[in-house]
Amino acid sequence: MRNNVRESRTMRGLSQGELGSAVGVSRQTINAIETGRFLPSLPVAFELSGFFELRIEDLFHPEPGEKNG
């Protein structure tokens, strides 16, 4: 699954650690989400989308060929 977390974070001038603190996860978790090594839980996805004031589907996108539901 692709996501726009890194782009959204850098547009706000935040470090991974600052974003992690804001949404209640570690810097390492933010790094893993940004690089696609980790899919966040639904509560974390909601925290991220709320923080960036985006819909979850505007922040996370299935890869071509992935089922979307």
PDB file of N, CA and C in Angstrom:
ATOM      1  N   MET A   1       0.843  -1.169   0.000  1.00  0.00           N
ATOM      2  CA  MET A   1       0.000   0.000   0.000  1.00  0.00           C
ATOM      3  C   MET A   1       0.892   1.236   0.000  1.00  0.00           C
ATOM      4  N   ARG A   2       0.591   2.136  -0.883  1.00  0.00           N
ATOM      5  CA  ARG A   2       1.320   3.404  -0.931  1.00  0.00           C
ATOM      6  C   ARG A   2       0.659   4.393   0.022  1.00  0.00           C
ATOM      7  N   ASN A   3       1.412   5.427   0.404  1.00  0.00           N
ATOM      8  CA  ASN A   3       0.818   6.458   1.254  1.00  0.00           C
ATOM      9  C   ASN A   3       1.506   7.793   1.019  1.00  0.00           C
ATOM     10  N   ASN A   4       0.866   8.834   1.501  1.00  0.00           N
ATOM     11  CA  ASN A   4       1.381  10.199   1.382  1.00  0.00           C
ATOM     12  C   ASN A   4       1.833  10.746   2.730  1.00  0.00           C
ATOM     13  N   VAL A   5       2.211   9.865   3.634  1.00  0.00           N
ATOM     14  CA  VAL A   5       2.583  10.315   4.975  1.00  0.00           C
ATOM     15  C   VAL A   5       3.848  11.170   4.918  1.00  0.00           C
ATOM     16  N   ARG A   6       4.880  10.713   4.216  1.00  0.00           N
ATOM     17  CA  ARG A   6       6.126  11.480   4.149  1.00  0.00           C
ATOM     18  C   ARG A   6       5.882  12.862   3.532  1.00  0.00           C
ATOM     19  N   GLU A   7       5.150  12.908   2.432  1.00  0.00           N
ATOM     20  CA  GLU A   7       4.882  14.187   1.779  1.00  0.00           C
ATOM     21  C   GLU A   7       4.105  15.116   2.708  1.00  0.00           C
ATOM     22  N   SER A   8       3.097  14.569   3.378  1.00  0.00           N
ATOM     23  CA  SER A   8       2.289  15.384   4.288  1.00  0.00           C
ATOM     24  C   SER A   8       3.124  15.884   5.459  1.00  0.00           C
ATOM     25  N   ARG A   9       3.993  15.020   5.974  1.00  0.00           N
ATOM     26  CA  ARG A   9       4.852  15.390   7.104  1.00  0.00           C
ATOM     27  C   ARG A   9       5.842  16.477   6.716  1.00  0.00           C
ATOM     28  N   THR A  10       6.514  16.298   5.576  1.00  0.00           N
ATOM     29  CA  THR A  10       7.540  17.274   5.185  1.00  0.00           C
ATOM     30  C   THR A  10       6.921  18.611   4.792  1.00  0.00           C
ATOM     31  N   MET A  11       5.704  18.582   4.251  1.00  0.00           N
ATOM     32  CA  MET A  11       5.028  19.846   3.924  1.00  0.00           C
ATOM     33  C   MET A  11       4.777  20.679   5.180  1.00  0.00           C
ATOM     34  N   ARG A  12       4.644  20.004   6.306  1.00  0.00           N
ATOM     35  CA  ARG A  12       4.428  20.706   7.579  1.00  0.00           C
ATOM     36  C   ARG A  12       5.726  20.964   8.327  1.00  0.00           C
ATOM     37  N   GLY A  13       6.840  20.539   7.749  1.00  0.00           N
ATOM     38  CA  GLY A  13       8.135  20.778   8.368  1.00  0.00           C
ATOM     39  C   GLY A  13       8.370  19.970   9.633  1.00  0.00           C
ATOM     40  N   LEU A  14       7.789  18.781   9.701  1.00  0.00           N
ATOM     41  CA  LEU A  14       7.913  17.946  10.895  1.00  0.00           C
ATOM     42  C   LEU A  14       8.949  16.849  10.700  1.00  0.00           C
ATOM     43  N   SER A  15       9.621  16.492  11.760  1.00  0.00           N
ATOM     44  CA  SER A  15      10.482  15.317  11.742  1.00  0.00           C
ATOM     45  C   SER A  15       9.605  14.087  11.968  1.00  0.00           C
ATOM     46  N   GLN A  16      10.163  12.914  11.716  1.00  0.00           N
ATOM     47  CA  GLN A  16       9.429  11.682  11.986  1.00  0.00           C
ATOM     48  C   GLN A  16       9.110  11.577  13.472  1.00  0.00           C
ATOM     49  N   GLY A  17      10.041  11.970  14.313  1.00  0.00           N
ATOM     50  CA  GLY A  17       9.820  11.921  15.757  1.00  0.00           C
ATOM     51  C   GLY A  17       8.702  12.847  16.206  1.00  0.00           C
ATOM     52  N   GLU A  18       8.655  14.044  15.629  1.00  0.00           N
ATOM     53  CA  GLU A  18       7.597  14.988  15.993  1.00  0.00           C
ATOM     54  C   GLU A  18       6.222  14.455  15.591  1.00  0.00           C
ATOM     55  N   LEU A  19       6.140  13.880  14.388  1.00  0.00           N
ATOM     56  CA  LEU A  19       4.865  13.316  13.952  1.00  0.00           C
ATOM     57  C   LEU A  19       4.491  12.126  14.830  1.00  0.00           C
ATOM     58  N   GLY A  20       5.458  11.276  15.118  1.00  0.00           N
ATOM     59  CA  GLY A  20       5.184  10.139  15.985  1.00  0.00           C
ATOM     60  C   GLY A  20       4.642  10.573  17.336  1.00  0.00           C
ATOM     61  N   SER A  21       5.260  11.577  17.933  1.00  0.00           N
ATOM     62  CA  SER A  21       4.790  12.087  19.223  1.00  0.00           C
ATOM     63  C   SER A  21       3.375  12.638  19.121  1.00  0.00           C
ATOM     64  N   ALA A  22       3.085  13.303  18.016  1.00  0.00           N
ATOM     65  CA  ALA A  22       1.764  13.914  17.835  1.00  0.00           C
ATOM     66  C   ALA A  22       0.654  12.871  17.716  1.00  0.00           C
ATOM     67  N   VAL A  23       0.970  11.711  17.158  1.00  0.00           N
ATOM     68  CA  VAL A  23      -0.066  10.691  16.951  1.00  0.00           C
ATOM     69  C   VAL A  23       0.097   9.484  17.879  1.00  0.00           C
ATOM     70  N   GLY A  24       1.090   9.514  18.746  1.00  0.00           N
ATOM     71  CA  GLY A  24       1.222   8.471  19.764  1.00  0.00           C
ATOM     72  C   GLY A  24       1.950   7.214  19.339  1.00  0.00           C
ATOM     73  N   VAL A  25       2.878   7.340  18.390  1.00  0.00           N
ATOM     74  CA  VAL A  25       3.701   6.191  17.985  1.00  0.00           C
ATOM     75  C   VAL A  25       5.166   6.629  17.956  1.00  0.00           C
ATOM     76  N   SER A  26       6.058   5.686  17.751  1.00  0.00           N
ATOM     77  CA  SER A  26       7.483   5.998  17.735  1.00  0.00           C
ATOM     78  C   SER A  26       7.932   6.550  16.381  1.00  0.00           C
ATOM     79  N   ARG A  27       9.108   7.152  16.381  1.00  0.00           N
ATOM     80  CA  ARG A  27       9.722   7.617  15.137  1.00  0.00           C
ATOM     81  C   ARG A  27       9.925   6.439  14.202  1.00  0.00           C
ATOM     82  N   GLN A  28      10.320   5.293  14.754  1.00  0.00           N
ATOM     83  CA  GLN A  28      10.558   4.108  13.945  1.00  0.00           C
ATOM     84  C   GLN A  28       9.277   3.630  13.257  1.00  0.00           C
ATOM     85  N   THR A  29       8.157   3.754  13.942  1.00  0.00           N
ATOM     86  CA  THR A  29       6.879   3.376  13.332  1.00  0.00           C
ATOM     87  C   THR A  29       6.555   4.295  12.173  1.00  0.00           C
ATOM     88  N   ILE A  30       6.763   5.595  12.341  1.00  0.00           N
ATOM     89  CA  ILE A  30       6.513   6.534  11.246  1.00  0.00           C
ATOM     90  C   ILE A  30       7.417   6.204  10.067  1.00  0.00           C
ATOM     91  N   ASN A  31       8.685   5.914  10.330  1.00  0.00           N
ATOM     92  CA  ASN A  31       9.610   5.540   9.265  1.00  0.00           C
ATOM     93  C   ASN A  31       9.118   4.296   8.531  1.00  0.00           C
ATOM     94  N   ALA A  32       8.690   3.286   9.278  1.00  0.00           N
ATOM     95  CA  ALA A  32       8.217   2.043   8.668  1.00  0.00           C
ATOM     96  C   ALA A  32       6.952   2.262   7.847  1.00  0.00           C
ATOM     97  N   ILE A  33       6.055   3.129   8.310  1.00  0.00           N
ATOM     98  CA  ILE A  33       4.844   3.444   7.539  1.00  0.00           C
ATOM     99  C   ILE A  33       5.233   4.164   6.253  1.00  0.00           C
ATOM    100  N   GLU A  34       6.105   5.161   6.362  1.00  0.00           N
ATOM    101  CA  GLU A  34       6.505   5.943   5.184  1.00  0.00           C
ATOM    102  C   GLU A  34       7.187   5.091   4.119  1.00  0.00           C
ATOM    103  N   THR A  35       7.961   4.118   4.543  1.00  0.00           N
ATOM    104  CA  THR A  35       8.691   3.288   3.584  1.00  0.00           C
ATOM    105  C   THR A  35       7.885   2.073   3.134  1.00  0.00           C
ATOM    106  N   GLY A  36       6.662   1.925   3.639  1.00  0.00           N
ATOM    107  CA  GLY A  36       5.803   0.829   3.220  1.00  0.00           C
ATOM    108  C   GLY A  36       6.137  -0.507   3.841  1.00  0.00           C
ATOM    109  N   ARG A  37       6.982  -0.523   4.879  1.00  0.00           N
ATOM    110  CA  ARG A  37       7.326  -1.775   5.549  1.00  0.00           C
ATOM    111  C   ARG A  37       6.306  -2.163   6.605  1.00  0.00           C
ATOM    112  N   PHE A  38       5.403  -1.229   6.945  1.00  0.00           N
ATOM    113  CA  PHE A  38       4.433  -1.468   8.006  1.00  0.00           C
ATOM    114  C   PHE A  38       3.129  -0.792   7.639  1.00  0.00           C
ATOM    115  N   LEU A  39       2.030  -1.538   7.718  1.00  0.00           N
ATOM    116  CA  LEU A  39       0.706  -0.950   7.538  1.00  0.00           C
ATOM    117  C   LEU A  39       0.173  -0.583   8.914  1.00  0.00           C
ATOM    118  N   PRO A  40      -0.223   0.660   9.102  1.00  0.00           N
ATOM    119  CA  PRO A  40      -0.690   1.057  10.427  1.00  0.00           C
ATOM    120  C   PRO A  40      -2.015   0.395  10.776  1.00  0.00           C
ATOM    121  N   SER A  41      -2.248   0.263  12.063  1.00  0.00           N
ATOM    122  CA  SER A  41      -3.550  -0.202  12.532  1.00  0.00           C
ATOM    123  C   SER A  41      -4.588   0.858  12.168  1.00  0.00           C
ATOM    124  N   LEU A  42      -5.831   0.478  12.203  1.00  0.00           N
ATOM    125  CA  LEU A  42      -6.889   1.429  11.882  1.00  0.00           C
ATOM    126  C   LEU A  42      -6.875   2.645  12.819  1.00  0.00           C
ATOM    127  N   PRO A  43      -6.691   2.452  14.146  1.00  0.00           N
ATOM    128  CA  PRO A  43      -6.617   3.635  15.014  1.00  0.00           C
ATOM    129  C   PRO A  43      -5.465   4.582  14.650  1.00  0.00           C
ATOM    130  N   VAL A  44      -4.306   4.031  14.294  1.00  0.00           N
ATOM    131  CA  VAL A  44      -3.176   4.893  13.911  1.00  0.00           C
ATOM    132  C   VAL A  44      -3.473   5.583  12.587  1.00  0.00           C
ATOM    133  N   ALA A  45      -4.081   4.878  11.644  1.00  0.00           N
ATOM    134  CA  ALA A  45      -4.456   5.503  10.369  1.00  0.00           C
ATOM    135  C   ALA A  45      -5.421   6.660  10.617  1.00  0.00           C
ATOM    136  N   PHE A  46      -6.387   6.472  11.518  1.00  0.00           N
ATOM    137  CA  PHE A  46      -7.309   7.557  11.857  1.00  0.00           C
ATOM    138  C   PHE A  46      -6.574   8.725  12.512  1.00  0.00           C
ATOM    139  N   GLU A  47      -5.621   8.429  13.403  1.00  0.00           N
ATOM    140  CA  GLU A  47      -4.834   9.493  14.048  1.00  0.00           C
ATOM    141  C   GLU A  47      -4.068  10.301  13.000  1.00  0.00           C
ATOM    142  N   LEU A  48      -3.419   9.597  12.070  1.00  0.00           N
ATOM    143  CA  LEU A  48      -2.653  10.287  11.028  1.00  0.00           C
ATOM    144  C   LEU A  48      -3.559  11.123  10.137  1.00  0.00           C
ATOM    145  N   SER A  49      -4.666  10.543   9.700  1.00  0.00           N
ATOM    146  CA  SER A  49      -5.559  11.300   8.817  1.00  0.00           C
ATOM    147  C   SER A  49      -6.154  12.494   9.545  1.00  0.00           C
ATOM    148  N   GLY A  50      -6.497  12.321  10.815  1.00  0.00           N
ATOM    149  CA  GLY A  50      -7.011  13.452  11.591  1.00  0.00           C
ATOM    150  C   GLY A  50      -5.969  14.538  11.784  1.00  0.00           C
ATOM    151  N   PHE A  51      -4.742  14.133  12.063  1.00  0.00           N
ATOM    152  CA  PHE A  51      -3.662  15.091  12.250  1.00  0.00           C
ATOM    153  C   PHE A  51      -3.461  15.938  10.995  1.00  0.00           C
ATOM    154  N   PHE A  52      -3.465  15.274   9.832  1.00  0.00           N
ATOM    155  CA  PHE A  52      -3.239  15.983   8.573  1.00  0.00           C
ATOM    156  C   PHE A  52      -4.520  16.559   7.978  1.00  0.00           C
ATOM    157  N   GLU A  53      -5.653  16.318   8.644  1.00  0.00           N
ATOM    158  CA  GLU A  53      -6.955  16.784   8.172  1.00  0.00           C
ATOM    159  C   GLU A  53      -7.239  16.276   6.759  1.00  0.00           C
ATOM    160  N   LEU A  54      -6.968  14.975   6.574  1.00  0.00           N
ATOM    161  CA  LEU A  54      -7.215  14.294   5.309  1.00  0.00           C
ATOM    162  C   LEU A  54      -8.087  13.075   5.563  1.00  0.00           C
ATOM    163  N   ARG A  55      -8.816  12.651   4.550  1.00  0.00           N
ATOM    164  CA  ARG A  55      -9.527  11.380   4.652  1.00  0.00           C
ATOM    165  C   ARG A  55      -8.493  10.258   4.574  1.00  0.00           C
ATOM    166  N   ILE A  56      -8.770   9.140   5.220  1.00  0.00           N
ATOM    167  CA  ILE A  56      -7.836   8.014   5.189  1.00  0.00           C
ATOM    168  C   ILE A  56      -7.523   7.628   3.752  1.00  0.00           C
ATOM    169  N   GLU A  57      -8.545   7.599   2.888  1.00  0.00           N
ATOM    170  CA  GLU A  57      -8.326   7.197   1.501  1.00  0.00           C
ATOM    171  C   GLU A  57      -7.521   8.226   0.715  1.00  0.00           C
ATOM    172  N   ASP A  58      -7.377   9.444   1.238  1.00  0.00           N
ATOM    173  CA  ASP A  58      -6.508  10.435   0.599  1.00  0.00           C
ATOM    174  C   ASP A  58      -5.063  10.309   1.085  1.00  0.00           C
ATOM    175  N   LEU A  59      -4.860   9.614   2.184  1.00  0.00           N
ATOM    176  CA  LEU A  59      -3.533   9.430   2.750  1.00  0.00           C
ATOM    177  C   LEU A  59      -2.935   8.073   2.381  1.00  0.00           C
ATOM    178  N   PHE A  60      -3.780   7.053   2.243  1.00  0.00           N
ATOM    179  CA  PHE A  60      -3.334   5.698   1.918  1.00  0.00           C
ATOM    180  C   PHE A  60      -3.987   5.229   0.631  1.00  0.00           C
ATOM    181  N   HIS A  61      -3.183   4.615  -0.244  1.00  0.00           N
ATOM    182  CA  HIS A  61      -3.669   4.189  -1.562  1.00  0.00           C
ATOM    183  C   HIS A  61      -3.229   2.767  -1.842  1.00  0.00           C
ATOM    184  N   PRO A  62      -4.152   1.899  -2.284  1.00  0.00           N
ATOM    185  CA  PRO A  62      -3.734   0.533  -2.649  1.00  0.00           C
ATOM    186  C   PRO A  62      -2.841   0.548  -3.869  1.00  0.00           C
ATOM    187  N   GLU A  63      -1.921  -0.389  -3.903  1.00  0.00           N
ATOM    188  CA  GLU A  63      -1.057  -0.550  -5.087  1.00  0.00           C
ATOM    189  C   GLU A  63      -1.918  -1.070  -6.237  1.00  0.00           C
ATOM    190  N   PRO A  64      -1.524  -0.789  -7.470  1.00  0.00           N
ATOM    191  CA  PRO A  64      -2.276  -1.354  -8.595  1.00  0.00           C
ATOM    192  C   PRO A  64      -2.359  -2.873  -8.453  1.00  0.00           C
ATOM    193  N   GLY A  65      -3.549  -3.409  -8.646  1.00  0.00           N
ATOM    194  CA  GLY A  65      -3.763  -4.845  -8.524  1.00  0.00           C
ATOM    195  C   GLY A  65      -4.177  -5.297  -7.129  1.00  0.00           C
ATOM    196  N   GLU A  66      -3.995  -4.445  -6.111  1.00  0.00           N
ATOM    197  CA  GLU A  66      -4.437  -4.804  -4.758  1.00  0.00           C
ATOM    198  C   GLU A  66      -5.949  -4.664  -4.691  1.00  0.00           C
ATOM    199  N   LYS A  67      -6.562  -5.538  -3.931  1.00  0.00           N
ATOM    200  CA  LYS A  67      -7.998  -5.423  -3.738  1.00  0.00           C
ATOM    201  C   LYS A  67      -8.278  -4.231  -2.834  1.00  0.00           C
ATOM    202  N   ASN A  68      -9.321  -3.505  -3.151  1.00  0.00           N
ATOM    203  CA  ASN A  68      -9.698  -2.321  -2.393  1.00  0.00           C
ATOM    204  C   ASN A  68     -11.015  -2.587  -1.691  1.00  0.00           C
ATOM    205  N   GLY A  69     -11.045  -3.566  -0.810  1.00  0.00           N
ATOM    206  CA  GLY A  69     -12.244  -3.845  -0.049  1.00  0.00           C
ATOM    207  C   GLY A  69     -12.709  -5.166  -0.308  1.00  0.00           C
TER     208      GLY A  69
END
